Protein backbone atom coordinates (compact mmCIF):
# COMPACT_ATOMS: atom_id res chain seq x y z
CA MET A 1 115.64 79.23 87.05
CA ALA A 2 114.06 78.84 83.63
CA GLU A 3 113.05 81.77 81.69
CA THR A 4 109.34 82.83 82.21
CA SER A 5 108.63 82.47 78.47
CA THR A 6 109.98 79.06 78.50
CA LEU A 7 107.89 78.01 81.31
CA ALA A 8 104.62 79.50 80.01
CA ARG A 9 105.02 78.19 76.45
CA PRO A 10 103.58 74.65 76.99
CA TYR A 11 100.55 76.12 78.75
CA ALA A 12 99.92 78.61 75.99
CA GLU A 13 100.42 75.89 73.42
CA ALA A 14 97.96 73.57 75.16
CA ALA A 15 95.25 76.37 75.51
CA PHE A 16 95.75 77.25 71.85
CA ARG A 17 95.28 73.63 70.80
CA ILE A 18 92.05 73.28 72.90
CA ALA A 19 90.78 76.60 71.49
CA ASP A 20 91.74 75.83 67.86
CA ALA A 21 90.09 72.34 68.01
CA SER A 22 86.78 73.67 69.37
CA GLY A 23 86.78 76.84 67.25
CA THR A 24 86.84 79.11 70.10
CA LEU A 25 90.05 81.21 69.69
CA PRO A 26 88.50 84.57 70.47
CA ARG A 27 86.63 83.30 73.65
CA TRP A 28 90.07 81.82 74.76
CA SER A 29 91.75 85.00 74.07
CA ASP A 30 89.38 86.86 76.28
CA MET A 31 89.54 84.40 79.14
CA LEU A 32 93.37 84.33 79.21
CA ALA A 33 93.56 88.02 79.15
CA ASP A 34 91.17 88.27 81.94
CA LEU A 35 93.21 85.67 83.89
CA GLY A 36 96.33 87.55 83.12
CA LYS A 37 94.96 90.83 84.48
CA VAL A 38 93.55 89.37 87.70
CA SER A 39 96.67 87.41 88.51
CA ALA A 40 98.72 90.53 88.02
CA GLU A 41 96.73 92.57 90.42
CA PRO A 42 99.03 93.30 93.40
CA ALA A 43 96.63 91.93 96.04
CA ILE A 44 95.97 88.77 94.03
CA ALA A 45 99.47 88.34 93.07
CA ALA A 46 100.68 88.58 96.65
CA ALA A 47 97.99 85.89 97.69
CA LEU A 48 99.04 83.74 94.83
CA ARG A 49 102.74 83.98 95.73
CA ASP A 50 102.10 82.82 99.28
CA PRO A 51 103.50 79.44 99.86
CA ASN A 52 100.95 78.72 102.59
CA LEU A 53 98.14 78.94 100.31
CA ALA A 54 97.01 75.61 98.96
CA ALA A 55 97.10 74.97 95.35
CA PRO A 56 93.23 74.17 95.19
CA LYS A 57 92.55 77.42 97.15
CA ALA A 58 94.86 79.47 94.85
CA ALA A 59 93.00 78.28 91.82
CA GLY A 60 89.54 78.64 93.43
CA LEU A 61 90.69 82.16 94.19
CA LEU A 62 91.17 83.09 90.45
CA ILE A 63 88.09 80.98 89.31
CA GLN A 64 85.92 82.70 92.05
CA VAL A 65 86.97 86.21 90.98
CA LEU A 66 86.23 85.40 87.34
CA ALA A 67 83.09 83.35 88.12
CA GLY A 68 80.96 82.81 84.90
CA ARG A 69 83.59 84.12 82.54
CA LEU A 70 85.69 80.79 82.47
CA THR A 71 84.84 77.62 80.60
CA GLY A 72 85.47 74.34 82.28
CA GLU A 73 88.68 73.79 80.24
CA ALA A 74 89.93 77.24 81.33
CA GLU A 75 89.16 76.37 84.82
CA ASN A 76 91.14 73.10 84.46
CA LEU A 77 94.09 75.15 83.00
CA VAL A 78 94.05 77.19 86.24
CA ARG A 79 94.04 74.23 88.36
CA VAL A 80 96.96 72.61 86.57
CA LEU A 81 98.84 75.95 86.87
CA ALA A 82 98.04 76.01 90.38
CA GLU A 83 99.25 72.43 91.11
CA ASN A 84 102.61 73.22 89.46
CA ARG A 85 102.94 76.58 91.47
CA ARG A 86 102.90 78.47 87.96
CA LEU A 87 99.93 80.84 88.47
CA GLU A 88 102.23 83.83 88.18
CA LEU A 89 102.81 82.69 84.57
CA LEU A 90 99.28 83.60 83.39
CA PRO A 91 100.06 87.14 81.86
CA GLU A 92 102.93 85.42 79.80
CA VAL A 93 100.51 82.57 78.83
CA ALA A 94 97.96 85.04 77.67
CA ALA A 95 100.78 86.86 75.61
CA GLN A 96 102.08 83.74 74.05
CA TYR A 97 98.54 82.50 73.32
CA GLU A 98 97.80 85.90 71.63
CA SER A 99 101.03 85.41 69.31
CA LEU A 100 99.81 81.90 68.41
CA LYS A 101 96.43 83.01 67.55
CA ASN A 102 97.63 86.03 65.58
CA GLU A 103 99.99 83.89 63.61
CA ARG A 104 97.07 81.48 62.83
CA GLU A 105 94.93 84.43 61.77
CA GLY A 106 97.58 86.29 59.62
CA VAL A 107 97.72 89.19 62.01
CA VAL A 108 100.63 91.18 63.37
CA GLU A 109 100.55 93.60 66.30
CA ALA A 110 101.97 97.13 65.69
CA GLN A 111 102.69 99.70 68.32
CA ILE A 112 102.54 103.10 66.75
CA LEU A 113 104.07 106.04 68.62
CA SER A 114 103.04 109.35 67.15
CA ALA A 115 104.19 112.94 68.08
CA PHE A 116 100.75 114.04 67.73
CA PRO A 117 97.37 112.38 67.83
CA LEU A 118 96.48 110.67 64.37
CA ASP A 119 93.19 111.27 62.85
CA ASP A 120 91.15 108.25 61.55
CA ALA A 121 92.17 109.02 57.86
CA GLN A 122 95.95 109.21 58.77
CA LEU A 123 95.77 105.86 60.94
CA ALA A 124 93.90 104.09 58.14
CA ASP A 125 96.54 105.13 55.67
CA LEU A 126 99.40 104.09 57.99
CA VAL A 127 97.66 100.67 58.53
CA SER A 128 97.02 100.11 54.81
CA ARG A 129 100.72 100.72 54.15
CA LEU A 130 101.82 98.46 56.79
CA GLU A 131 99.55 95.69 55.68
CA LYS A 132 101.14 96.02 52.24
CA LYS A 133 104.56 96.02 53.69
CA THR A 134 103.94 92.96 55.96
CA GLY A 135 101.35 91.07 53.83
CA LYS A 136 99.19 90.51 56.98
CA ARG A 137 96.26 92.29 58.77
CA VAL A 138 97.70 94.73 61.20
CA LYS A 139 96.16 95.26 64.73
CA THR A 140 97.38 98.54 66.18
CA GLU A 141 98.07 100.11 69.56
CA VAL A 142 98.45 103.78 69.06
CA SER A 143 100.03 106.25 71.60
CA VAL A 144 101.15 109.80 71.69
CA ASP A 145 104.77 110.59 72.38
CA PRO A 146 105.64 114.41 72.14
CA GLU A 147 109.42 113.71 72.51
CA LEU A 148 109.46 112.23 68.93
CA ILE A 149 109.07 116.00 67.88
CA ALA A 150 107.27 115.09 64.56
CA GLY A 151 106.38 111.82 62.64
CA VAL A 152 105.81 108.23 63.81
CA ARG A 153 107.74 105.30 65.07
CA VAL A 154 106.18 101.75 64.42
CA VAL A 155 107.33 98.74 66.25
CA ILE A 156 106.19 95.30 64.76
CA GLY A 157 107.67 92.43 66.56
CA ASP A 158 111.46 93.05 66.46
CA LYS A 159 111.22 95.41 63.48
CA VAL A 160 111.32 99.35 64.12
CA ILE A 161 110.33 101.91 61.57
CA ASP A 162 111.40 105.11 62.84
CA GLY A 163 110.22 108.05 60.82
CA SER A 164 110.37 110.64 63.77
CA ALA A 165 112.06 113.85 63.69
CA ARG A 166 114.06 112.81 66.78
CA ALA A 167 115.41 109.85 64.90
CA GLN A 168 116.41 111.90 61.89
CA LEU A 169 118.12 114.54 64.13
CA ALA A 170 120.04 111.64 65.81
CA ALA A 171 121.16 110.34 62.52
CA LEU A 172 122.16 113.68 61.31
CA GLU A 173 124.19 114.22 64.64
CA ALA A 174 125.88 110.93 64.21
CA ALA A 175 126.81 111.74 60.64
CA LEU A 176 128.29 115.25 61.57
CA LYS A 177 130.44 113.46 64.23
CA GLN A 178 132.05 111.20 61.74
């Protein structure tokens, strides 16, 4: 079977083109995020996987749960996904749409893992440095991981900047073994 990301790409690109043409990128971002979350809920996901559930009913289920929060175009996207038995792709469609939107807006997403909670000044300084390094605006997701011992680990796409004490100790250990 084809890769989930490959199957989701045309839907994400179509949603992006519609949103971009109508100037509603943020609204579509919210709608797709909601659709992705709802479709991933265990009870809903189980219902959507049921082969006995007709496509119009599957689409109707999602549309009903998100009543009033979807535009007509978003409802049509849900119907097309249902007809093609692809509703399980909604979380991936949302993720790929976000990537396209971020690329258009000159934004990169960064995951920051810190050994200790960062205060606002530290986070602002780190974001400023990352923006200088990438040349783009940086949208962060910050979490605490005490196993880092000290420092931070930043993941931007496929790039990792590991300034944690754990990484430095691992490098020292590798150097001593040689």
